[in-house]
Amino acid sequence: MRIAIFLPNWIGDVVMATPAIRALRDAYPVARVIGVLKPYVRGVIDGSPWFDDLIPSDSGVLSVARRLRAERIDVAVLFPNTFRSALIARLGGCRRRIGYRRYGRGPLLTDVLEPVVDTRGRLKPSPVIDAYNRLAERADTEPTRRMELFTTAADEATVDAVWSRCGFRRRLEVICLNPGAAFGSSKYWSVDAFAEVARRFVAERGSGVLVLCGPGERDLARQIVARAGSENVRSLADVPPSIGLTKACVRRCDLLVTTDSGPRHFAAAFDRPVVTLFGPTHIAWTETYYAKAVHLQKEVDCGPCQQRVCPLDHRCMTRLTSDEVYAAARQLLARFPSASRETRHAV
């Protein structure tokens, strides 16, 4: 058996696909499993035991198709809903091609699933994790909803150095803040609000606080640290950024406070409590049924709008107060006490 899994194109979506990926690997333990993916999401699956080989999907339709044809794929599971992914699977000679009927690609598939729609035939906000699991079920597997990620020894060594430099090894509690959002500025919460939450963690709980950031978010992280005004609030702004490092930091922290962005799902995958700040997006799309999560969202007459840039006054995010966020975080920490330091630092 040879299986090709076309991975989603967003970091958070790859995490939400891990239950389906694991189910495929477990159901066919001796199969050769090939991952087809955008290079920028590779860090999400680094360290996992699921794939025998990986094919970058950005090297051209015919190039990817040729590689798949050489692999003689029996089953292709298409997590992206793009026409391109279905075309590649068809040109690549994949015998079964499992995917959703979207963007006119139905004739390119052998196993066509229907998306969840409302009474008017429009896409209905519904959990992506369930949609991915339906694809795996069509391939005769039984997925759960438990997300899972792994870290590498190199990433753990880097985070060891970060923890040491920040003085976090002396602290029993470390909180990670994730202020970024690749989706667009409409998901941002203010620098001042993040800084106030950081100050309260330090002043009231004696926590260490680490501000996470991607390559384009370093200035944002530096601003939060500067406005927090505490040596116990630090950031990754001066460390070479990587998905692997972010994963390792989240795995080691005691709680994550985050915008609705990809790294929010790292917390659930590593069984860490997480407070997510929702503004313009429907919670239903990214619901993962994780017990240690709190979703905060204000009801506003203009949302959820799903727009990348707010055309009005960003009320869905500005009405979320630092008091509400800190209170939710404190309650989560009380319900789910920290793991032992040995557990958090073990690779």
C-alpha atoms as a PDB file:
ATOM      1  CA  MET A   1       0.000   0.000   0.000  1.00  0.00           C
ATOM      2  CA  ARG A   2       1.279   3.471  -0.935  1.00  0.00           C
ATOM      3  CA  ILE A   3      -0.516   6.528   0.459  1.00  0.00           C
ATOM      4  CA  ALA A   4      -0.090  10.197  -0.446  1.00  0.00           C
ATOM      5  CA  ILE A   5      -1.335  12.735   2.077  1.00  0.00           C
ATOM      6  CA  PHE A   6      -1.719  16.289   0.738  1.00  0.00           C
ATOM      7  CA  LEU A   7      -1.236  18.428   3.845  1.00  0.00           C
ATOM      8  CA  PRO A   8      -3.156  21.673   4.502  1.00  0.00           C
ATOM      9  CA  ASN A   9      -1.540  24.969   3.553  1.00  0.00           C
ATOM     10  CA  TRP A  10      -1.858  26.676   6.953  1.00  0.00           C
ATOM     11  CA  ILE A  11       0.091  25.948  10.126  1.00  0.00           C
ATOM     12  CA  GLY A  12      -2.954  25.564  12.361  1.00  0.00           C
ATOM     13  CA  ASP A  13      -4.750  23.430   9.801  1.00  0.00           C
ATOM     14  CA  VAL A  14      -1.817  21.016   9.669  1.00  0.00           C
ATOM     15  CA  VAL A  15      -2.135  20.566  13.437  1.00  0.00           C
ATOM     16  CA  MET A  16      -5.871  19.960  13.096  1.00  0.00           C
ATOM     17  CA  ALA A  17      -5.126  17.324  10.452  1.00  0.00           C
ATOM     18  CA  THR A  18      -2.860  15.320  12.765  1.00  0.00           C
ATOM     19  CA  PRO A  19      -5.634  13.046  14.109  1.00  0.00           C
ATOM     20  CA  ALA A  20      -6.465  12.021  10.537  1.00  0.00           C
ATOM     21  CA  ILE A  21      -2.789  11.615   9.618  1.00  0.00           C
ATOM     22  CA  ARG A  22      -2.141   9.459  12.659  1.00  0.00           C
ATOM     23  CA  ALA A  23      -5.208   7.348  11.862  1.00  0.00           C
ATOM     24  CA  LEU A  24      -3.938   6.710   8.335  1.00  0.00           C
ATOM     25  CA  ARG A  25      -0.504   5.743   9.616  1.00  0.00           C
ATOM     26  CA  ASP A  26      -1.938   3.463  12.317  1.00  0.00           C
ATOM     27  CA  ALA A  27      -4.424   1.782   9.987  1.00  0.00           C
ATOM     28  CA  TYR A  28      -1.708   0.968   7.446  1.00  0.00           C
ATOM     29  CA  PRO A  29       1.435   0.403   9.543  1.00  0.00           C
ATOM     30  CA  VAL A  30       3.495  -1.156   6.733  1.00  0.00           C
ATOM     31  CA  ALA A  31       2.342   1.280   4.022  1.00  0.00           C
ATOM     32  CA  ARG A  32       4.682   3.781   2.433  1.00  0.00           C
ATOM     33  CA  VAL A  33       3.245   7.187   3.366  1.00  0.00           C
ATOM     34  CA  ILE A  34       4.248  10.252   1.351  1.00  0.00           C
ATOM     35  CA  GLY A  35       3.473  13.783   2.512  1.00  0.00           C
ATOM     36  CA  VAL A  36       2.836  16.473  -0.114  1.00  0.00           C
ATOM     37  CA  LEU A  37       3.211  19.886   1.496  1.00  0.00           C
ATOM     38  CA  LYS A  38       4.173  23.517   1.260  1.00  0.00           C
ATOM     39  CA  PRO A  39       7.763  23.856   2.555  1.00  0.00           C
ATOM     40  CA  TYR A  40       6.811  26.539   5.103  1.00  0.00           C
ATOM     41  CA  VAL A  41       4.604  24.117   7.081  1.00  0.00           C
ATOM     42  CA  ARG A  42       7.206  21.360   7.286  1.00  0.00           C
ATOM     43  CA  GLY A  43       8.297  22.486  10.745  1.00  0.00           C
ATOM     44  CA  VAL A  44       4.853  21.568  12.071  1.00  0.00           C
ATOM     45  CA  ILE A  45       5.388  17.853  11.382  1.00  0.00           C
ATOM     46  CA  ASP A  46       9.141  17.706  12.063  1.00  0.00           C
ATOM     47  CA  GLY A  47       9.889  14.986  14.578  1.00  0.00           C
ATOM     48  CA  SER A  48       6.758  12.984  13.761  1.00  0.00           C
ATOM     49  CA  PRO A  49       6.938   9.254  12.919  1.00  0.00           C
ATOM     50  CA  TRP A  50       4.237   9.346  10.257  1.00  0.00           C
ATOM     51  CA  PHE A  51       5.929   9.955   6.892  1.00  0.00           C
ATOM     52  CA  ASP A  52       8.395   7.919   4.879  1.00  0.00           C
ATOM     53  CA  ASP A  53       9.103  10.788   2.488  1.00  0.00           C
ATOM     54  CA  LEU A  54       8.002  14.350   1.785  1.00  0.00           C
ATOM     55  CA  ILE A  55       7.382  16.064  -1.556  1.00  0.00           C
ATOM     56  CA  PRO A  56       7.344  19.889  -1.711  1.00  0.00           C
ATOM     57  CA  SER A  57       4.167  20.936  -3.488  1.00  0.00           C
ATOM     58  CA  ASP A  58       5.498  24.241  -4.791  1.00  0.00           C
ATOM     59  CA  SER A  59       7.876  22.751  -7.362  1.00  0.00           C
ATOM     60  CA  GLY A  60       5.320  22.836 -10.188  1.00  0.00           C
ATOM     61  CA  VAL A  61       2.266  20.738 -10.990  1.00  0.00           C
ATOM     62  CA  LEU A  62       3.985  18.442 -13.488  1.00  0.00           C
ATOM     63  CA  SER A  63       7.076  17.986 -11.326  1.00  0.00           C
ATOM     64  CA  VAL A  64       5.034  16.913  -8.294  1.00  0.00           C
ATOM     65  CA  ALA A  65       2.816  14.703 -10.472  1.00  0.00           C
ATOM     66  CA  ARG A  66       5.874  12.937 -11.889  1.00  0.00           C
ATOM     67  CA  ARG A  67       7.150  12.185  -8.415  1.00  0.00           C
ATOM     68  CA  LEU A  68       3.801  10.767  -7.386  1.00  0.00           C
ATOM     69  CA  ARG A  69       3.570   8.677 -10.551  1.00  0.00           C
ATOM     70  CA  ALA A  70       6.972   7.201  -9.739  1.00  0.00           C
ATOM     71  CA  GLU A  71       5.654   6.261  -6.291  1.00  0.00           C
ATOM     72  CA  ARG A  72       2.646   4.382  -7.779  1.00  0.00           C
ATOM     73  CA  ILE A  73       0.239   5.791  -5.185  1.00  0.00           C
ATOM     74  CA  ASP A  74      -2.766   3.664  -4.251  1.00  0.00           C
ATOM     75  CA  VAL A  75      -4.656   6.263  -2.188  1.00  0.00           C
ATOM     76  CA  ALA A  76      -4.340  10.051  -2.112  1.00  0.00           C
ATOM     77  CA  VAL A  77      -6.046  11.950   0.707  1.00  0.00           C
ATOM     78  CA  LEU A  78      -6.478  15.627  -0.131  1.00  0.00           C
ATOM     79  CA  PHE A  79      -6.810  17.934   2.859  1.00  0.00           C
ATOM     80  CA  PRO A  80      -6.571  21.156   0.777  1.00  0.00           C
ATOM     81  CA  ASN A  81      -9.743  21.943  -1.131  1.00  0.00           C
ATOM     82  CA  THR A  82      -7.839  23.394  -4.077  1.00  0.00           C
ATOM     83  CA  PHE A  83      -8.299  22.457  -7.718  1.00  0.00           C
ATOM     84  CA  ARG A  84      -4.518  22.252  -7.966  1.00  0.00           C
ATOM     85  CA  SER A  85      -4.182  19.469  -5.403  1.00  0.00           C
ATOM     86  CA  ALA A  86      -6.792  17.358  -7.199  1.00  0.00           C
ATOM     87  CA  LEU A  87      -5.138  17.973 -10.561  1.00  0.00           C
ATOM     88  CA  ILE A  88      -1.749  16.894  -9.213  1.00  0.00           C
ATOM     89  CA  ALA A  89      -3.239  13.716  -7.723  1.00  0.00           C
ATOM     90  CA  ARG A  90      -4.962  12.905 -11.036  1.00  0.00           C
ATOM     91  CA  LEU A  91      -1.897  13.605 -13.187  1.00  0.00           C
ATOM     92  CA  GLY A  92       0.193  11.719 -10.631  1.00  0.00           C
ATOM     93  CA  GLY A  93      -1.731   8.534 -11.322  1.00  0.00           C
ATOM     94  CA  CYS A  94      -3.077   8.128  -7.785  1.00  0.00           C
ATOM     95  CA  ARG A  95      -5.609   5.309  -8.046  1.00  0.00           C
ATOM     96  CA  ARG A  96      -8.003   6.608  -5.366  1.00  0.00           C
ATOM     97  CA  ARG A  97      -8.317  10.344  -4.840  1.00  0.00           C
ATOM     98  CA  ILE A  98     -10.320  11.336  -1.757  1.00  0.00           C
ATOM     99  CA  GLY A  99     -11.435  14.926  -1.342  1.00  0.00           C
ATOM    100  CA  TYR A 100     -14.295  17.407  -1.048  1.00  0.00           C
ATOM    101  CA  ARG A 101     -16.359  18.672  -3.976  1.00  0.00           C
ATOM    102  CA  ARG A 102     -15.020  22.229  -4.150  1.00  0.00           C
ATOM    103  CA  TYR A 103     -13.919  24.613  -6.901  1.00  0.00           C
ATOM    104  CA  GLY A 104     -15.103  22.405  -9.748  1.00  0.00           C
ATOM    105  CA  ARG A 105     -12.690  19.578  -9.006  1.00  0.00           C
ATOM    106  CA  GLY A 106     -15.245  16.806  -8.480  1.00  0.00           C
ATOM    107  CA  PRO A 107     -14.486  15.054 -11.813  1.00  0.00           C
ATOM    108  CA  LEU A 108     -10.819  14.747 -10.796  1.00  0.00           C
ATOM    109  CA  LEU A 109     -11.686  12.751  -7.656  1.00  0.00           C
ATOM    110  CA  THR A 110     -12.704   9.119  -7.264  1.00  0.00           C
ATOM    111  CA  ASP A 111     -14.131   9.510  -3.738  1.00  0.00           C
ATOM    112  CA  VAL A 112     -16.096  12.761  -3.555  1.00  0.00           C
ATOM    113  CA  LEU A 113     -17.284  14.052  -0.174  1.00  0.00           C
ATOM    114  CA  GLU A 114     -19.778  16.873   0.168  1.00  0.00           C
ATOM    115  CA  PRO A 115     -18.886  19.883   2.332  1.00  0.00           C
ATOM    116  CA  VAL A 116     -21.166  20.973   5.166  1.00  0.00           C
ATOM    117  CA  VAL A 117     -23.590  23.610   3.862  1.00  0.00           C
ATOM    118  CA  ASP A 118     -26.550  25.520   5.259  1.00  0.00           C
ATOM    119  CA  THR A 119     -30.123  25.468   3.966  1.00  0.00           C
ATOM    120  CA  ARG A 120     -29.163  27.927   1.211  1.00  0.00           C
ATOM    121  CA  GLY A 121     -26.311  25.770  -0.010  1.00  0.00           C
ATOM    122  CA  ARG A 122     -23.601  28.052   1.399  1.00  0.00           C
ATOM    123  CA  LEU A 123     -20.627  26.736   3.338  1.00  0.00           C
ATOM    124  CA  LYS A 124     -21.553  26.452   6.994  1.00  0.00           C
ATOM    125  CA  PRO A 125     -18.935  27.216   9.659  1.00  0.00           C
ATOM    126  CA  SER A 126     -18.091  23.784  11.034  1.00  0.00           C
ATOM    127  CA  PRO A 127     -14.990  22.225  12.621  1.00  0.00           C
ATOM    128  CA  VAL A 128     -12.166  21.656  10.161  1.00  0.00           C
ATOM    129  CA  ILE A 129     -10.854  18.849  12.362  1.00  0.00           C
ATOM    130  CA  ASP A 130     -14.077  16.919  11.678  1.00  0.00           C
ATOM    131  CA  ALA A 131     -13.836  17.594   7.955  1.00  0.00           C
ATOM    132  CA  TYR A 132     -10.312  16.173   7.878  1.00  0.00           C
ATOM    133  CA  ASN A 133     -11.381  13.154   9.880  1.00  0.00           C
ATOM    134  CA  ARG A 134     -14.145  12.444   7.378  1.00  0.00           C
ATOM    135  CA  LEU A 135     -11.502  12.159   4.653  1.00  0.00           C
ATOM    136  CA  ALA A 136      -9.535   9.668   6.741  1.00  0.00           C
ATOM    137  CA  GLU A 137     -12.682   7.704   7.492  1.00  0.00           C
ATOM    138  CA  ARG A 138     -13.309   7.331   3.743  1.00  0.00           C
ATOM    139  CA  ALA A 139      -9.914   5.620   3.622  1.00  0.00           C
ATOM    140  CA  ASP A 140     -11.226   3.045   6.118  1.00  0.00           C
ATOM    141  CA  THR A 141      -9.670   4.448   9.285  1.00  0.00           C
ATOM    142  CA  GLU A 142     -11.089   5.461  12.673  1.00  0.00           C
ATOM    143  CA  PRO A 143      -9.603   8.835  13.680  1.00  0.00           C
ATOM    144  CA  THR A 144     -10.085  10.529  17.040  1.00  0.00           C
ATOM    145  CA  ARG A 145      -9.973  14.268  17.718  1.00  0.00           C
ATOM    146  CA  ARG A 146      -6.720  14.169  19.670  1.00  0.00           C
ATOM    147  CA  MET A 147      -4.139  16.406  18.024  1.00  0.00           C
ATOM    148  CA  GLU A 148      -0.469  15.539  18.423  1.00  0.00           C
ATOM    149  CA  LEU A 149       2.894  17.127  17.631  1.00  0.00           C
ATOM    150  CA  PHE A 150       6.543  16.332  18.259  1.00  0.00           C
ATOM    151  CA  THR A 151       9.732  18.290  18.820  1.00  0.00           C
ATOM    152  CA  THR A 152      13.261  17.556  17.668  1.00  0.00           C
ATOM    153  CA  ALA A 153      16.389  17.299  19.797  1.00  0.00           C
ATOM    154  CA  ALA A 154      17.783  20.400  18.067  1.00  0.00           C
ATOM    155  CA  ASP A 155      14.720  22.477  18.928  1.00  0.00           C
ATOM    156  CA  GLU A 156      14.811  21.270  22.534  1.00  0.00           C
ATOM    157  CA  ALA A 157      18.476  22.266  22.765  1.00  0.00           C
ATOM    158  CA  THR A 158      17.616  25.750  21.482  1.00  0.00           C
ATOM    159  CA  VAL A 159      14.766  26.175  23.945  1.00  0.00           C
ATOM    160  CA  ASP A 160      17.072  25.002  26.751  1.00  0.00           C
ATOM    161  CA  ALA A 161      19.297  27.948  25.897  1.00  0.00           C
ATOM    162  CA  VAL A 162      16.311  30.336  25.763  1.00  0.00           C
ATOM    163  CA  TRP A 163      15.029  29.165  29.159  1.00  0.00           C
ATOM    164  CA  SER A 164      18.490  29.529  30.681  1.00  0.00           C
ATOM    165  CA  ARG A 165      19.086  32.993  29.226  1.00  0.00           C
ATOM    166  CA  CYS A 166      15.673  34.201  30.393  1.00  0.00           C
ATOM    167  CA  GLY A 167      16.139  32.784  33.885  1.00  0.00           C
ATOM    168  CA  PHE A 168      13.032  30.622  33.520  1.00  0.00           C
ATOM    169  CA  ARG A 169      14.664  27.550  35.044  1.00  0.00           C
ATOM    170  CA  ARG A 170      14.372  29.264  38.420  1.00  0.00           C
ATOM    171  CA  ARG A 171      10.637  29.778  37.964  1.00  0.00           C
ATOM    172  CA  LEU A 172       7.920  27.244  38.561  1.00  0.00           C
ATOM    173  CA  GLU A 173       5.565  28.851  36.032  1.00  0.00           C
ATOM    174  CA  VAL A 174       6.191  30.169  32.526  1.00  0.00           C
ATOM    175  CA  ILE A 175       3.458  31.758  30.435  1.00  0.00           C
ATOM    176  CA  CYS A 176       3.753  32.126  26.661  1.00  0.00           C
ATOM    177  CA  LEU A 177       2.038  34.957  24.792  1.00  0.00           C
ATOM    178  CA  ASN A 178       1.446  34.641  21.054  1.00  0.00           C
ATOM    179  CA  PRO A 179       0.390  38.045  19.644  1.00  0.00           C
ATOM    180  CA  GLY A 180       0.856  37.385  15.922  1.00  0.00           C
ATOM    181  CA  ALA A 181      -1.625  36.470  13.211  1.00  0.00           C
ATOM    182  CA  ALA A 182      -0.651  35.651   9.648  1.00  0.00           C
ATOM    183  CA  PHE A 183      -4.323  35.912   8.632  1.00  0.00           C
ATOM    184  CA  GLY A 184      -4.279  39.709   8.892  1.00  0.00           C
ATOM    185  CA  SER A 185      -4.350  42.706  11.217  1.00  0.00           C
ATOM    186  CA  SER A 186      -8.005  42.131  12.109  1.00  0.00           C
ATOM    187  CA  LYS A 187      -6.915  39.348  14.483  1.00  0.00           C
ATOM    188  CA  TYR A 188      -4.445  41.485  16.441  1.00  0.00           C
ATOM    189  CA  TRP A 189      -4.980  42.370  20.088  1.00  0.00           C
ATOM    190  CA  SER A 190      -3.255  45.534  21.248  1.00  0.00           C
ATOM    191  CA  VAL A 191       0.346  45.714  22.410  1.00  0.00           C
ATOM    192  CA  ASP A 192      -0.761  47.520  25.574  1.00  0.00           C
ATOM    193  CA  ALA A 193      -3.268  44.798  26.419  1.00  0.00           C
ATOM    194  CA  PHE A 194      -0.717  42.015  26.006  1.00  0.00           C
ATOM    195  CA  ALA A 195       1.785  44.013  28.072  1.00  0.00           C
ATOM    196  CA  GLU A 196      -0.740  44.503  30.871  1.00  0.00           C
ATOM    197  CA  VAL A 197      -1.484  40.767  31.001  1.00  0.00           C
ATOM    198  CA  ALA A 198       2.257  40.074  31.135  1.00  0.00           C
ATOM    199  CA  ARG A 199       2.728  42.543  34.008  1.00  0.00           C
ATOM    200  CA  ARG A 200      -0.051  40.922  36.014  1.00  0.00           C
ATOM    201  CA  PHE A 201       1.393  37.433  35.585  1.00  0.00           C
ATOM    202  CA  VAL A 202       4.727  38.676  36.904  1.00  0.00           C
ATOM    203  CA  ALA A 203       3.342  40.843  39.731  1.00  0.00           C
ATOM    204  CA  GLU A 204       0.570  38.569  41.002  1.00  0.00           C
ATOM    205  CA  ARG A 205       1.941  35.075  40.297  1.00  0.00           C
ATOM    206  CA  GLY A 206       5.692  35.539  39.992  1.00  0.00           C
ATOM    207  CA  SER A 207       5.541  34.002  36.509  1.00  0.00           C
ATOM    208  CA  GLY A 208       8.090  34.221  33.778  1.00  0.00           C
ATOM    209  CA  VAL A 209       6.538  35.447  30.520  1.00  0.00           C
ATOM    210  CA  LEU A 210       7.824  34.673  27.026  1.00  0.00           C
ATOM    211  CA  VAL A 211       6.466  36.499  23.975  1.00  0.00           C
ATOM    212  CA  LEU A 212       6.543  34.285  20.901  1.00  0.00           C
ATOM    213  CA  CYS A 213       7.007  35.669  17.409  1.00  0.00           C
ATOM    214  CA  GLY A 214       7.534  34.729  13.795  1.00  0.00           C
ATOM    215  CA  PRO A 215       9.932  36.436  11.372  1.00  0.00           C
ATOM    216  CA  GLY A 216       7.544  39.332  10.719  1.00  0.00           C
ATOM    217  CA  GLU A 217       6.474  39.818  14.333  1.00  0.00           C
ATOM    218  CA  ARG A 218       9.745  40.650  16.060  1.00  0.00           C
ATOM    219  CA  ASP A 219       8.992  44.359  16.447  1.00  0.00           C
ATOM    220  CA  LEU A 220       5.587  43.495  17.870  1.00  0.00           C
ATOM    221  CA  ALA A 221       7.192  41.195  20.437  1.00  0.00           C
ATOM    222  CA  ARG A 222       9.793  43.823  21.355  1.00  0.00           C
ATOM    223  CA  GLN A 223       7.074  46.427  21.903  1.00  0.00           C
ATOM    224  CA  ILE A 224       5.183  44.160  24.288  1.00  0.00           C
ATOM    225  CA  VAL A 225       8.344  43.471  26.284  1.00  0.00           C
ATOM    226  CA  ALA A 226       9.229  47.170  26.425  1.00  0.00           C
ATOM    227  CA  ARG A 227       5.785  48.214  27.615  1.00  0.00           C
ATOM    228  CA  ALA A 228       5.581  45.410  30.163  1.00  0.00           C
ATOM    229  CA  GLY A 229       8.653  46.940  31.796  1.00  0.00           C
ATOM    230  CA  SER A 230       9.826  43.829  33.637  1.00  0.00           C
ATOM    231  CA  GLU A 231      13.001  41.782  33.360  1.00  0.00           C
ATOM    232  CA  ASN A 232      10.808  38.715  33.779  1.00  0.00           C
ATOM    233  CA  VAL A 233       9.022  39.390  30.480  1.00  0.00           C
ATOM    234  CA  ARG A 234      11.167  38.269  27.565  1.00  0.00           C
ATOM    235  CA  SER A 235      10.694  37.447  23.885  1.00  0.00           C
ATOM    236  CA  LEU A 236      12.057  35.374  21.009  1.00  0.00           C
ATOM    237  CA  ALA A 237      12.686  38.512  18.951  1.00  0.00           C
ATOM    238  CA  ASP A 238      16.461  38.071  19.012  1.00  0.00           C
ATOM    239  CA  VAL A 239      16.476  34.307  18.416  1.00  0.00           C
ATOM    240  CA  PRO A 240      16.412  32.823  14.887  1.00  0.00           C
ATOM    241  CA  PRO A 241      12.695  32.064  14.445  1.00  0.00           C
ATOM    242  CA  SER A 242      11.337  28.673  13.513  1.00  0.00           C
ATOM    243  CA  ILE A 243       8.148  26.698  13.873  1.00  0.00           C
ATOM    244  CA  GLY A 244      10.132  24.050  15.708  1.00  0.00           C
ATOM    245  CA  LEU A 245      11.318  26.503  18.347  1.00  0.00           C
ATOM    246  CA  THR A 246       7.792  27.836  18.848  1.00  0.00           C
ATOM    247  CA  LYS A 247       6.513  24.276  19.282  1.00  0.00           C
ATOM    248  CA  ALA A 248       9.210  23.517  21.856  1.00  0.00           C
ATOM    249  CA  CYS A 249       8.410  26.697  23.820  1.00  0.00           C
ATOM    250  CA  VAL A 250       4.696  25.928  23.905  1.00  0.00           C
ATOM    251  CA  ARG A 251       5.384  22.327  24.914  1.00  0.00           C
ATOM    252  CA  ARG A 252       7.409  23.567  27.871  1.00  0.00           C
ATOM    253  CA  CYS A 253       5.162  26.409  29.052  1.00  0.00           C
ATOM    254  CA  ASP A 254       2.370  26.198  31.603  1.00  0.00           C
ATOM    255  CA  LEU A 255      -0.208  28.176  29.635  1.00  0.00           C
ATOM    256  CA  LEU A 256      -0.532  29.937  26.288  1.00  0.00           C
ATOM    257  CA  VAL A 257      -2.440  33.171  25.674  1.00  0.00           C
ATOM    258  CA  THR A 258      -2.869  33.645  21.949  1.00  0.00           C
ATOM    259  CA  THR A 259      -4.695  35.231  19.086  1.00  0.00           C
ATOM    260  CA  ASP A 260      -6.622  32.919  16.773  1.00  0.00           C
ATOM    261  CA  SER A 261      -3.532  31.884  14.835  1.00  0.00           C
ATOM    262  CA  GLY A 262      -1.736  28.659  13.961  1.00  0.00           C
ATOM    263  CA  PRO A 263       0.420  28.297  17.105  1.00  0.00           C
ATOM    264  CA  ARG A 264      -2.722  28.320  19.255  1.00  0.00           C
ATOM    265  CA  HIS A 265      -3.187  24.662  18.250  1.00  0.00           C
ATOM    266  CA  PHE A 266       0.306  23.750  19.475  1.00  0.00           C
ATOM    267  CA  ALA A 267      -1.039  24.043  23.020  1.00  0.00           C
ATOM    268  CA  ALA A 268      -3.716  21.395  22.525  1.00  0.00           C
ATOM    269  CA  ALA A 269      -1.279  19.129  20.683  1.00  0.00           C
ATOM    270  CA  PHE A 270       1.069  19.269  23.699  1.00  0.00           C
ATOM    271  CA  ASP A 271      -1.748  19.191  26.276  1.00  0.00           C
ATOM    272  CA  ARG A 272      -1.165  22.726  27.555  1.00  0.00           C
ATOM    273  CA  PRO A 273      -3.957  25.067  28.725  1.00  0.00           C
ATOM    274  CA  VAL A 274      -4.730  27.834  26.234  1.00  0.00           C
ATOM    275  CA  VAL A 275      -6.739  31.061  26.172  1.00  0.00           C
ATOM    276  CA  THR A 276      -7.599  32.126  22.612  1.00  0.00           C
ATOM    277  CA  LEU A 277      -8.733  35.627  21.690  1.00  0.00           C
ATOM    278  CA  PHE A 278     -11.235  35.567  18.851  1.00  0.00           C
ATOM    279  CA  GLY A 279     -12.336  38.615  16.905  1.00  0.00           C
ATOM    280  CA  PRO A 280     -13.290  38.472  13.217  1.00  0.00           C
ATOM    281  CA  THR A 281     -13.373  34.695  12.788  1.00  0.00           C
ATOM    282  CA  HIS A 282     -16.006  32.051  13.496  1.00  0.00           C
ATOM    283  CA  ILE A 283     -14.979  29.864  16.417  1.00  0.00           C
ATOM    284  CA  ALA A 284     -16.794  26.962  14.760  1.00  0.00           C
ATOM    285  CA  TRP A 285     -14.219  26.655  11.956  1.00  0.00           C
ATOM    286  CA  THR A 286     -11.372  25.859  14.334  1.00  0.00           C
ATOM    287  CA  GLU A 287     -13.207  24.194  17.210  1.00  0.00           C
ATOM    288  CA  THR A 288     -11.145  21.202  18.357  1.00  0.00           C
ATOM    289  CA  TYR A 289     -13.118  20.076  21.437  1.00  0.00           C
ATOM    290  CA  TYR A 290     -10.035  20.533  23.631  1.00  0.00           C
ATOM    291  CA  ALA A 291     -10.939  20.488  27.330  1.00  0.00           C
ATOM    292  CA  LYS A 292      -8.142  22.798  28.478  1.00  0.00           C
ATOM    293  CA  ALA A 293      -9.112  25.660  26.169  1.00  0.00           C
ATOM    294  CA  VAL A 294     -11.047  28.864  26.790  1.00  0.00           C
ATOM    295  CA  HIS A 295     -12.351  30.877  23.829  1.00  0.00           C
ATOM    296  CA  LEU A 296     -12.992  34.575  24.384  1.00  0.00           C
ATOM    297  CA  GLN A 297     -15.054  36.489  21.837  1.00  0.00           C
ATOM    298  CA  LYS A 298     -17.226  39.579  22.031  1.00  0.00           C
ATOM    299  CA  GLU A 299     -20.578  39.627  20.280  1.00  0.00           C
ATOM    300  CA  VAL A 300     -20.616  42.561  17.875  1.00  0.00           C
ATOM    301  CA  ASP A 301     -23.192  43.459  15.242  1.00  0.00           C
ATOM    302  CA  CYS A 302     -20.588  43.424  12.458  1.00  0.00           C
ATOM    303  CA  GLY A 303     -19.038  40.036  13.125  1.00  0.00           C
ATOM    304  CA  PRO A 304     -17.692  37.512  12.827  1.00  0.00           C
ATOM    305  CA  CYS A 305     -16.858  39.110   9.488  1.00  0.00           C
ATOM    306  CA  GLN A 306     -13.942  36.852   8.403  1.00  0.00           C
ATOM    307  CA  GLN A 307     -12.182  39.911   6.968  1.00  0.00           C
ATOM    308  CA  ARG A 308      -8.395  40.184   7.149  1.00  0.00           C
ATOM    309  CA  VAL A 309      -8.435  43.948   7.754  1.00  0.00           C
ATOM    310  CA  CYS A 310     -11.138  45.606   9.827  1.00  0.00           C
ATOM    311  CA  PRO A 311     -13.046  48.243   7.795  1.00  0.00           C
ATOM    312  CA  LEU A 312     -14.481  49.823  10.954  1.00  0.00           C
ATOM    313  CA  ASP A 313     -13.048  50.320  14.456  1.00  0.00           C
ATOM    314  CA  HIS A 314     -11.814  46.793  15.362  1.00  0.00           C
ATOM    315  CA  ARG A 315     -14.411  46.617  18.127  1.00  0.00           C
ATOM    316  CA  CYS A 316     -14.406  42.801  18.244  1.00  0.00           C
ATOM    317  CA  MET A 317     -10.848  42.881  19.610  1.00  0.00           C
ATOM    318  CA  THR A 318     -10.686  46.216  21.451  1.00  0.00           C
ATOM    319  CA  ARG A 319     -13.650  45.242  23.638  1.00  0.00           C
ATOM    320  CA  LEU A 320     -11.721  42.248  24.971  1.00  0.00           C
ATOM    321  CA  THR A 321     -10.111  43.560  28.164  1.00  0.00           C
ATOM    322  CA  SER A 322      -6.891  42.509  29.825  1.00  0.00           C
ATOM    323  CA  ASP A 323      -8.887  41.844  33.014  1.00  0.00           C
ATOM    324  CA  GLU A 324     -11.050  39.272  31.208  1.00  0.00           C
ATOM    325  CA  VAL A 325      -8.081  37.572  29.602  1.00  0.00           C
ATOM    326  CA  TYR A 326      -6.058  37.414  32.809  1.00  0.00           C
ATOM    327  CA  ALA A 327      -9.049  36.078  34.753  1.00  0.00           C
ATOM    328  CA  ALA A 328      -9.630  33.328  32.187  1.00  0.00           C
ATOM    329  CA  ALA A 329      -5.961  32.366  32.296  1.00  0.00           C
ATOM    330  CA  ARG A 330      -5.899  32.272  36.085  1.00  0.00           C
ATOM    331  CA  GLN A 331      -8.984  30.059  36.172  1.00  0.00           C
ATOM    332  CA  LEU A 332      -7.449  27.639  33.673  1.00  0.00           C
ATOM    333  CA  LEU A 333      -4.258  27.413  35.710  1.00  0.00           C
ATOM    334  CA  ALA A 334      -6.301  26.646  38.812  1.00  0.00           C
ATOM    335  CA  ARG A 335      -8.240  23.903  37.026  1.00  0.00           C
ATOM    336  CA  PHE A 336      -5.179  22.382  35.371  1.00  0.00           C
ATOM    337  CA  PRO A 337      -2.118  22.689  37.617  1.00  0.00           C
ATOM    338  CA  SER A 338       1.280  22.685  35.961  1.00  0.00           C
ATOM    339  CA  ALA A 339       3.042  19.464  35.079  1.00  0.00           C
ATOM    340  CA  SER A 340       6.254  18.730  36.918  1.00  0.00           C
ATOM    341  CA  ARG A 341       9.350  20.543  35.719  1.00  0.00           C
ATOM    342  CA  GLU A 342      10.842  17.189  34.746  1.00  0.00           C
ATOM    343  CA  THR A 343       7.900  16.482  32.449  1.00  0.00           C
ATOM    344  CA  ARG A 344       8.074  19.892  30.833  1.00  0.00           C
ATOM    345  CA  HIS A 345      11.793  19.668  30.183  1.00  0.00           C
ATOM    346  CA  ALA A 346      11.876  16.074  28.949  1.00  0.00           C
ATOM    347  CA  VAL A 347      12.322  15.620  25.203  1.00  0.00           C
END
